[in-house]
C-alpha atoms as a PDB file:
ATOM      1  CA  MET A   1     -10.179 -16.249 -27.408  1.00  0.00           C
ATOM      2  CA  THR A   2     -10.006 -19.710 -28.957  1.00  0.00           C
ATOM      3  CA  GLU A   3     -12.906 -22.156 -28.851  1.00  0.00           C
ATOM      4  CA  LYS A   4     -10.631 -24.743 -27.234  1.00  0.00           C
ATOM      5  CA  GLY A   5      -9.611 -22.344 -24.481  1.00  0.00           C
ATOM      6  CA  TYR A   6     -13.219 -21.408 -23.724  1.00  0.00           C
ATOM      7  CA  PHE A   7     -14.350 -25.011 -23.381  1.00  0.00           C
ATOM      8  CA  ALA A   8     -11.281 -25.857 -21.295  1.00  0.00           C
ATOM      9  CA  SER A   9     -12.136 -23.042 -18.897  1.00  0.00           C
ATOM     10  CA  ILE A  10     -15.655 -24.442 -18.456  1.00  0.00           C
ATOM     11  CA  PHE A  11     -14.390 -27.972 -17.846  1.00  0.00           C
ATOM     12  CA  ALA A  12     -12.058 -26.541 -15.187  1.00  0.00           C
ATOM     13  CA  ARG A  13     -14.936 -24.831 -13.367  1.00  0.00           C
ATOM     14  CA  ASP A  14     -17.767 -27.332 -13.791  1.00  0.00           C
ATOM     15  CA  PRO A  15     -17.101 -30.962 -12.877  1.00  0.00           C
ATOM     16  CA  ALA A  16     -20.543 -31.896 -14.262  1.00  0.00           C
ATOM     17  CA  ALA A  17     -19.503 -30.982 -17.812  1.00  0.00           C
ATOM     18  CA  ARG A  18     -18.949 -34.123 -19.901  1.00  0.00           C
ATOM     19  CA  SER A  19     -18.361 -33.000 -23.466  1.00  0.00           C
ATOM     20  CA  ARG A  20     -18.099 -29.957 -25.679  1.00  0.00           C
ATOM     21  CA  PHE A  21     -21.281 -30.964 -27.452  1.00  0.00           C
ATOM     22  CA  GLU A  22     -23.150 -31.029 -24.150  1.00  0.00           C
ATOM     23  CA  ILE A  23     -21.814 -27.595 -23.203  1.00  0.00           C
ATOM     24  CA  LEU A  24     -22.629 -26.115 -26.590  1.00  0.00           C
ATOM     25  CA  THR A  25     -26.183 -27.461 -26.725  1.00  0.00           C
ATOM     26  CA  LEU A  26     -27.375 -27.573 -23.108  1.00  0.00           C
ATOM     27  CA  TYR A  27     -25.659 -24.763 -21.190  1.00  0.00           C
ATOM     28  CA  PRO A  28     -27.868 -21.633 -21.081  1.00  0.00           C
ATOM     29  CA  GLY A  29     -24.962 -19.539 -19.806  1.00  0.00           C
ATOM     30  CA  VAL A  30     -22.993 -20.340 -22.946  1.00  0.00           C
ATOM     31  CA  HIS A  31     -26.004 -19.490 -25.123  1.00  0.00           C
ATOM     32  CA  ALA A  32     -26.539 -16.201 -23.287  1.00  0.00           C
ATOM     33  CA  VAL A  33     -22.916 -15.114 -23.639  1.00  0.00           C
ATOM     34  CA  GLY A  34     -22.866 -16.084 -27.315  1.00  0.00           C
ATOM     35  CA  LEU A  35     -26.019 -14.078 -28.059  1.00  0.00           C
ATOM     36  CA  TYR A  36     -24.622 -11.184 -26.023  1.00  0.00           C
ATOM     37  CA  ARG A  37     -21.568 -11.097 -28.311  1.00  0.00           C
ATOM     38  CA  VAL A  38     -23.905 -10.664 -31.289  1.00  0.00           C
ATOM     39  CA  ALA A  39     -26.007  -8.023 -29.531  1.00  0.00           C
ATOM     40  CA  HIS A  40     -22.913  -6.140 -28.342  1.00  0.00           C
ATOM     41  CA  LYS A  41     -21.522  -6.019 -31.869  1.00  0.00           C
ATOM     42  CA  LEU A  42     -24.834  -4.614 -33.122  1.00  0.00           C
ATOM     43  CA  TRP A  43     -24.777  -2.056 -30.299  1.00  0.00           C
ATOM     44  CA  GLN A  44     -21.302  -0.928 -31.337  1.00  0.00           C
ATOM     45  CA  LEU A  45     -22.587  -0.570 -34.909  1.00  0.00           C
ATOM     46  CA  ARG A  46     -25.327   1.709 -33.505  1.00  0.00           C
ATOM     47  CA  ALA A  47     -28.065  -0.757 -34.439  1.00  0.00           C
ATOM     48  CA  ARG A  48     -29.417  -0.254 -30.921  1.00  0.00           C
ATOM     49  CA  TRP A  49     -32.983  -1.508 -31.456  1.00  0.00           C
ATOM     50  CA  LEU A  50     -31.828  -4.693 -33.155  1.00  0.00           C
ATOM     51  CA  ALA A  51     -29.275  -5.259 -30.396  1.00  0.00           C
ATOM     52  CA  GLN A  52     -32.050  -4.992 -27.813  1.00  0.00           C
ATOM     53  CA  VAL A  53     -34.157  -7.482 -29.792  1.00  0.00           C
ATOM     54  CA  VAL A  54     -31.305 -10.031 -29.694  1.00  0.00           C
ATOM     55  CA  ALA A  55     -30.833  -9.420 -25.959  1.00  0.00           C
ATOM     56  CA  HIS A  56     -34.567  -9.806 -25.374  1.00  0.00           C
ATOM     57  CA  PHE A  57     -34.583 -13.087 -27.300  1.00  0.00           C
ATOM     58  CA  ALA A  58     -31.622 -14.314 -25.251  1.00  0.00           C
ATOM     59  CA  ARG A  59     -33.481 -13.519 -22.023  1.00  0.00           C
ATOM     60  CA  PHE A  60     -36.575 -15.343 -23.277  1.00  0.00           C
ATOM     61  CA  VAL A  61     -34.581 -18.453 -24.222  1.00  0.00           C
ATOM     62  CA  THR A  62     -32.090 -18.613 -21.338  1.00  0.00           C
ATOM     63  CA  GLY A  63     -33.569 -16.621 -18.438  1.00  0.00           C
ATOM     64  CA  ILE A  64     -30.390 -14.529 -18.402  1.00  0.00           C
ATOM     65  CA  GLU A  65     -30.547 -10.800 -19.077  1.00  0.00           C
ATOM     66  CA  ILE A  66     -27.383  -9.095 -20.342  1.00  0.00           C
ATOM     67  CA  HIS A  67     -27.594  -5.548 -21.626  1.00  0.00           C
ATOM     68  CA  PRO A  68     -25.957  -5.210 -25.069  1.00  0.00           C
ATOM     69  CA  ALA A  69     -23.863  -2.245 -23.855  1.00  0.00           C
ATOM     70  CA  ALA A  70     -22.266  -4.171 -20.977  1.00  0.00           C
ATOM     71  CA  ARG A  71     -18.623  -5.121 -21.356  1.00  0.00           C
ATOM     72  CA  LEU A  72     -17.856  -8.780 -20.750  1.00  0.00           C
ATOM     73  CA  GLY A  73     -14.357 -10.231 -20.756  1.00  0.00           C
ATOM     74  CA  ARG A  74     -13.089 -13.498 -22.141  1.00  0.00           C
ATOM     75  CA  ARG A  75     -14.063 -16.919 -20.836  1.00  0.00           C
ATOM     76  CA  LEU A  76     -16.995 -15.685 -18.754  1.00  0.00           C
ATOM     77  CA  PHE A  77     -18.884 -18.689 -17.373  1.00  0.00           C
ATOM     78  CA  ILE A  78     -22.465 -18.276 -16.168  1.00  0.00           C
ATOM     79  CA  ASP A  79     -23.291 -21.552 -14.400  1.00  0.00           C
ATOM     80  CA  HIS A  80     -26.976 -22.580 -14.266  1.00  0.00           C
ATOM     81  CA  GLY A  81     -27.653 -18.940 -14.977  1.00  0.00           C
ATOM     82  CA  PHE A  82     -31.385 -18.499 -14.482  1.00  0.00           C
ATOM     83  CA  GLY A  83     -32.151 -15.053 -13.085  1.00  0.00           C
ATOM     84  CA  VAL A  84     -28.759 -13.477 -13.810  1.00  0.00           C
ATOM     85  CA  VAL A  85     -28.985  -9.758 -14.650  1.00  0.00           C
ATOM     86  CA  ILE A  86     -26.050  -7.707 -15.961  1.00  0.00           C
ATOM     87  CA  GLY A  87     -26.738  -3.991 -16.361  1.00  0.00           C
ATOM     88  CA  GLU A  88     -25.876  -1.528 -19.084  1.00  0.00           C
ATOM     89  CA  THR A  89     -22.672  -0.037 -17.641  1.00  0.00           C
ATOM     90  CA  ALA A  90     -21.419  -3.221 -15.964  1.00  0.00           C
ATOM     91  CA  GLU A  91     -17.919  -4.445 -16.772  1.00  0.00           C
ATOM     92  CA  VAL A  92     -16.748  -8.005 -16.216  1.00  0.00           C
ATOM     93  CA  GLY A  93     -13.114  -9.091 -16.517  1.00  0.00           C
ATOM     94  CA  ASP A  94     -11.614 -12.290 -17.885  1.00  0.00           C
ATOM     95  CA  ASP A  95     -12.240 -15.757 -16.422  1.00  0.00           C
ATOM     96  CA  CYS A  96     -15.087 -14.667 -14.145  1.00  0.00           C
ATOM     97  CA  THR A  97     -17.779 -17.053 -12.885  1.00  0.00           C
ATOM     98  CA  LEU A  98     -21.363 -16.056 -12.087  1.00  0.00           C
ATOM     99  CA  TYR A  99     -23.966 -18.381 -10.630  1.00  0.00           C
ATOM    100  CA  GLN A 100     -27.757 -18.299 -10.840  1.00  0.00           C
ATOM    101  CA  GLY A 101     -29.603 -15.288  -9.494  1.00  0.00           C
ATOM    102  CA  VAL A 102     -26.626 -12.902  -9.600  1.00  0.00           C
ATOM    103  CA  THR A 103     -27.408  -9.239 -10.195  1.00  0.00           C
ATOM    104  CA  LEU A 104     -24.854  -6.684 -11.339  1.00  0.00           C
ATOM    105  CA  GLY A 105     -27.197  -3.777 -10.813  1.00  0.00           C
ATOM    106  CA  GLY A 106     -27.266  -0.005 -10.682  1.00  0.00           C
ATOM    107  CA  THR A 107     -28.207   2.355  -7.876  1.00  0.00           C
ATOM    108  CA  SER A 108     -28.838   5.513  -9.893  1.00  0.00           C
ATOM    109  CA  TRP A 109     -31.355   6.643 -12.495  1.00  0.00           C
ATOM    110  CA  GLN A 110     -28.842   9.004 -14.071  1.00  0.00           C
ATOM    111  CA  PRO A 111     -27.281   8.133 -17.482  1.00  0.00           C
ATOM    112  CA  GLU A 112     -23.823   7.553 -16.015  1.00  0.00           C
ATOM    113  CA  LYS A 113     -21.611   4.742 -14.799  1.00  0.00           C
ATOM    114  CA  ARG A 114     -23.978   3.083 -12.323  1.00  0.00           C
ATOM    115  CA  HIS A 115     -23.135  -0.621 -12.422  1.00  0.00           C
ATOM    116  CA  PRO A 116     -20.213  -2.549 -10.910  1.00  0.00           C
ATOM    117  CA  THR A 117     -16.856  -3.399 -12.435  1.00  0.00           C
ATOM    118  CA  LEU A 118     -15.520  -6.904 -11.828  1.00  0.00           C
ATOM    119  CA  GLY A 119     -11.820  -7.656 -12.208  1.00  0.00           C
ATOM    120  CA  ASN A 120     -10.356 -10.891 -13.525  1.00  0.00           C
ATOM    121  CA  ASN A 121     -11.043 -14.303 -11.938  1.00  0.00           C
ATOM    122  CA  VAL A 122     -13.921 -13.062  -9.796  1.00  0.00           C
ATOM    123  CA  VAL A 123     -16.472 -15.585  -8.517  1.00  0.00           C
ATOM    124  CA  VAL A 124     -19.961 -14.389  -7.566  1.00  0.00           C
ATOM    125  CA  GLY A 125     -22.096 -16.924  -5.696  1.00  0.00           C
ATOM    126  CA  ALA A 126     -25.735 -17.766  -6.296  1.00  0.00           C
ATOM    127  CA  GLY A 127     -28.190 -14.997  -5.502  1.00  0.00           C
ATOM    128  CA  ALA A 128     -25.556 -12.363  -4.750  1.00  0.00           C
ATOM    129  CA  LYS A 129     -26.300  -8.723  -5.568  1.00  0.00           C
ATOM    130  CA  VAL A 130     -23.461  -6.396  -6.519  1.00  0.00           C
ATOM    131  CA  LEU A 131     -24.870  -2.900  -6.724  1.00  0.00           C
ATOM    132  CA  GLY A 132     -23.599   0.474  -7.808  1.00  0.00           C
ATOM    133  CA  PRO A 133     -20.478   1.776  -9.550  1.00  0.00           C
ATOM    134  CA  ILE A 134     -18.124  -0.160  -7.299  1.00  0.00           C
ATOM    135  CA  THR A 135     -15.013  -2.172  -8.151  1.00  0.00           C
ATOM    136  CA  ILE A 136     -14.497  -5.830  -7.286  1.00  0.00           C
ATOM    137  CA  GLY A 137     -10.771  -6.605  -7.330  1.00  0.00           C
ATOM    138  CA  ASP A 138      -9.084  -9.444  -9.206  1.00  0.00           C
ATOM    139  CA  GLY A 139      -9.590 -12.875  -7.671  1.00  0.00           C
ATOM    140  CA  ALA A 140     -12.291 -11.733  -5.226  1.00  0.00           C
ATOM    141  CA  ARG A 141     -14.986 -14.134  -4.012  1.00  0.00           C
ATOM    142  CA  ILE A 142     -18.529 -13.042  -3.197  1.00  0.00           C
ATOM    143  CA  GLY A 143     -20.577 -15.477  -1.143  1.00  0.00           C
ATOM    144  CA  SER A 144     -24.067 -16.613  -2.069  1.00  0.00           C
ATOM    145  CA  ASN A 145     -26.918 -14.185  -1.298  1.00  0.00           C
ATOM    146  CA  SER A 146     -24.523 -11.421  -0.269  1.00  0.00           C
ATOM    147  CA  VAL A 147     -25.381  -7.796  -1.023  1.00  0.00           C
ATOM    148  CA  VAL A 148     -22.248  -5.843  -1.919  1.00  0.00           C
ATOM    149  CA  VAL A 149     -22.386  -2.052  -2.141  1.00  0.00           C
ATOM    150  CA  LYS A 150     -18.751  -1.128  -1.438  1.00  0.00           C
ATOM    151  CA  ASN A 151     -15.445  -1.755  -3.209  1.00  0.00           C
ATOM    152  CA  VAL A 152     -13.854  -5.149  -2.590  1.00  0.00           C
ATOM    153  CA  PRO A 153     -10.050  -5.504  -2.586  1.00  0.00           C
ATOM    154  CA  ALA A 154      -8.334  -8.009  -4.834  1.00  0.00           C
ATOM    155  CA  GLY A 155      -8.323 -11.554  -3.500  1.00  0.00           C
ATOM    156  CA  ALA A 156     -10.832 -10.857  -0.716  1.00  0.00           C
ATOM    157  CA  THR A 157     -13.836 -12.980   0.251  1.00  0.00           C
ATOM    158  CA  VAL A 158     -17.083 -11.148   1.010  1.00  0.00           C
ATOM    159  CA  VAL A 159     -20.226 -12.515   2.690  1.00  0.00           C
ATOM    160  CA  GLY A 160     -23.348 -11.158   4.351  1.00  0.00           C
ATOM    161  CA  ILE A 161     -25.898  -8.364   4.075  1.00  0.00           C
ATOM    162  CA  PRO A 162     -24.442  -5.857   3.694  1.00  0.00           C
ATOM    163  CA  GLY A 163     -21.369  -7.611   2.384  1.00  0.00           C
ATOM    164  CA  HIS A 164     -18.269  -7.515   4.569  1.00  0.00           C
ATOM    165  CA  VAL A 165     -14.791  -8.878   4.036  1.00  0.00           C
ATOM    166  CA  VAL A 166     -14.084 -12.077   5.977  1.00  0.00           C
ATOM    167  CA  VAL A 167     -10.843 -13.042   4.243  1.00  0.00           C
ATOM    168  CA  LYS A 168      -8.529 -10.217   3.221  1.00  0.00           C
ATOM    169  CA  PRO A 169      -5.134 -10.854   1.613  1.00  0.00           C
ATOM    170  CA  GLU A 170      -2.461  -8.923   3.419  1.00  0.00           C
ATOM    171  CA  GLU A 171       1.114  -9.092   4.562  1.00  0.00           C
ATOM    172  CA  ARG A 172       0.067 -11.017   7.665  1.00  0.00           C
ATOM    173  CA  ALA A 173      -1.273 -13.870   5.545  1.00  0.00           C
ATOM    174  CA  ARG A 174       2.020 -14.131   3.660  1.00  0.00           C
ATOM    175  CA  SER A 175       4.029 -14.110   6.880  1.00  0.00           C
ATOM    176  CA  ARG A 176       1.790 -16.827   8.320  1.00  0.00           C
ATOM    177  CA  ALA A 177       2.456 -19.010   5.298  1.00  0.00           C
ATOM    178  CA  ALA A 178       6.213 -18.418   5.570  1.00  0.00           C
ATOM    179  CA  LEU A 179       6.228 -19.281   9.279  1.00  0.00           C
ATOM    180  CA  ALA A 180       4.077 -22.356   8.728  1.00  0.00           C
ATOM    181  CA  GLN A 181       6.500 -23.611   6.102  1.00  0.00           C
ATOM    182  CA  ARG A 182       9.435 -22.985   8.458  1.00  0.00           C
ATOM    183  CA  ILE A 183       7.994 -25.051  11.298  1.00  0.00           C
ATOM    184  CA  GLY A 184       6.766 -27.862   9.070  1.00  0.00           C
ATOM    185  CA  PHE A 185       3.062 -27.018   9.020  1.00  0.00           C
ATOM    186  CA  GLU A 186       1.317 -26.893   5.674  1.00  0.00           C
ATOM    187  CA  ALA A 187      -0.840 -23.771   5.677  1.00  0.00           C
ATOM    188  CA  TYR A 188      -4.297 -23.832   4.190  1.00  0.00           C
ATOM    189  CA  GLY A 189      -3.883 -23.323   0.449  1.00  0.00           C
ATOM    190  CA  GLN A 190      -7.434 -22.366  -0.382  1.00  0.00           C
ATOM    191  CA  GLU A 191      -9.747 -19.828   1.143  1.00  0.00           C
ATOM    192  CA  ALA A 192     -13.172 -20.942   2.343  1.00  0.00           C
ATOM    193  CA  GLN A 193     -16.320 -18.978   1.625  1.00  0.00           C
ATOM    194  CA  THR A 194     -16.893 -18.610   5.369  1.00  0.00           C
ATOM    195  CA  PRO A 195     -14.398 -18.413   8.259  1.00  0.00           C
ATOM    196  CA  ASP A 196     -13.256 -21.745   9.684  1.00  0.00           C
ATOM    197  CA  PRO A 197     -12.855 -21.571  13.505  1.00  0.00           C
ATOM    198  CA  VAL A 198     -10.087 -24.171  13.450  1.00  0.00           C
ATOM    199  CA  ALA A 199      -8.181 -22.263  10.773  1.00  0.00           C
ATOM    200  CA  TYR A 200      -8.735 -19.055  12.757  1.00  0.00           C
ATOM    201  CA  ALA A 201      -7.287 -20.656  15.898  1.00  0.00           C
ATOM    202  CA  ILE A 202      -4.242 -21.866  13.945  1.00  0.00           C
ATOM    203  CA  ASP A 203      -3.793 -18.368  12.507  1.00  0.00           C
ATOM    204  CA  CYS A 204      -3.804 -16.958  16.051  1.00  0.00           C
ATOM    205  CA  VAL A 205      -1.128 -19.453  17.087  1.00  0.00           C
ATOM    206  CA  LEU A 206       1.014 -18.526  14.088  1.00  0.00           C
ATOM    207  CA  ASP A 207       0.601 -14.825  14.851  1.00  0.00           C
ATOM    208  CA  HIS A 208       1.668 -15.433  18.453  1.00  0.00           C
ATOM    209  CA  LEU A 209       4.706 -17.419  17.334  1.00  0.00           C
ATOM    210  CA  GLN A 210       5.748 -14.533  15.112  1.00  0.00           C
ATOM    211  CA  VAL A 211       5.570 -12.140  18.067  1.00  0.00           C
ATOM    212  CA  VAL A 212       7.605 -14.537  20.219  1.00  0.00           C
ATOM    213  CA  ASP A 213      10.195 -14.926  17.454  1.00  0.00           C
ATOM    214  CA  ARG A 214      10.623 -11.177  17.132  1.00  0.00           C
ATOM    215  CA  ARG A 215      11.019 -10.767  20.887  1.00  0.00           C
ATOM    216  CA  LEU A 216      13.591 -13.565  21.046  1.00  0.00           C
ATOM    217  CA  GLU A 217      15.540 -12.012  18.203  1.00  0.00           C
ATOM    218  CA  ARG A 218      15.608  -8.655  19.991  1.00  0.00           C
ATOM    219  CA  LEU A 219      16.654 -10.337  23.254  1.00  0.00           C
ATOM    220  CA  CYS A 220      19.468 -12.238  21.545  1.00  0.00           C
ATOM    221  CA  GLU A 221      20.642  -9.033  19.891  1.00  0.00           C
ATOM    222  CA  GLU A 222      20.779  -7.245  23.246  1.00  0.00           C
ATOM    223  CA  LEU A 223      22.691 -10.156  24.818  1.00  0.00           C
ATOM    224  CA  ARG A 224      25.219 -10.106  21.995  1.00  0.00           C
ATOM    225  CA  LYS A 225      25.684  -6.377  22.451  1.00  0.00           C
ATOM    226  CA  ALA A 226      26.308  -7.007  26.156  1.00  0.00           C
ATOM    227  CA  GLY A 227      29.047  -9.504  25.278  1.00  0.00           C
ATOM    228  CA  ILE A 228      27.194 -12.567  26.522  1.00  0.00           C
ATOM    229  CA  PRO A 229      27.958 -15.576  24.306  1.00  0.00           C
ATOM    230  CA  LEU A 230      25.033 -17.534  22.959  1.00  0.00           C
ATOM    231  CA  SER A 231      24.934 -21.101  21.679  1.00  0.00           C
ATOM    232  CA  HIS A 232      23.690 -21.726  18.140  1.00  0.00           C
ATOM    233  CA  THR A 233      20.476 -23.372  19.400  1.00  0.00           C
ATOM    234  CA  ALA A 234      19.684 -20.656  21.939  1.00  0.00           C
ATOM    235  CA  ASP A 235      20.297 -17.993  19.309  1.00  0.00           C
ATOM    236  CA  ALA A 236      17.752 -19.527  16.916  1.00  0.00           C
ATOM    237  CA  PRO A 237      14.098 -18.549  17.067  1.00  0.00           C
ATOM    238  CA  ALA A 238      11.945 -20.937  19.072  1.00  0.00           C
ATOM    239  CA  ALA A 239       9.928 -22.032  16.052  1.00  0.00           C
ATOM    240  CA  THR A 240      13.059 -23.246  14.232  1.00  0.00           C
ATOM    241  CA  ARG A 241      14.621 -25.305  17.037  1.00  0.00           C
ATOM    242  CA  PRO A 242      14.651 -29.089  16.670  1.00  0.00           C
ATOM    243  CA  ASN A 243      11.884 -31.007  18.427  1.00  0.00           C
ATOM    244  CA  GLY A 244      12.545 -31.268  22.125  1.00  0.00           C
ATOM    245  CA  ALA A 245      15.552 -28.935  22.143  1.00  0.00           C
ATOM    246  CA  SER A 246      15.962 -26.260  24.824  1.00  0.00           C
ATOM    247  CA  GLU A 247      18.544 -23.680  25.823  1.00  0.00           C
ATOM    248  CA  ALA A 248      19.748 -25.901  28.623  1.00  0.00           C
ATOM    249  CA  ASP A 249      19.943 -28.962  26.395  1.00  0.00           C
ATOM    250  CA  PRO A 250      21.015 -27.944  22.871  1.00  0.00           C
ATOM    251  CA  THR A 251      21.167 -31.573  21.705  1.00  0.00           C
ATOM    252  CA  PRO A 252      17.952 -32.807  20.090  1.00  0.00           C
ATOM    253  CA  ARG A 253      16.333 -35.728  21.864  1.00  0.00           C
END
């Protein structure tokens, strides 16, 4: 990981950042991650007590507690950071973002894998608790103050106590986007942390249009099999006809 790439990733995720010097001197999350790298290296060298001393000093200075045995990926950004706790067997992928008050905690007293594993590009909102040896998929979003105790699929958005998926990437979402592009509607490009009732209503309309399209296609196929000629406009799905066109009047108004 290059220094330039790390700073660029912070600028991309924090519009309040003004300069590299400011980030290097005033961002406790950067200090905590830097000291963790030292402590983790000492842990790997089996200098366990010294590693714990460095981690303890980092907690005292930054208010962020990261166990030296945890595995953190590249370009981790801990924004604000106060109160963040990352446990011993936690694993965090590349380009993840954690906000203040986040806990990656364990649910067992046994010396085993007991902390969560975060994939790449995961965002965990302020105050969220991710507990147990669960897996958070790549690109997942966890809303503020959520308590997550079950696996989260890649790209999903989770909110609530206990955490539940409110936005789940699936084939339906891709088909909605394709249909929206076909009929000239620009689908929402970014997922919100909480469901938008207007977006939900539009999704329902798009789902209904897909059902109507499939039924029309089956009807046209049956008519062709019966030898009944169909005009080009009548044969096209309803969503792709020109504005104002109908079967009786194939010429666009």
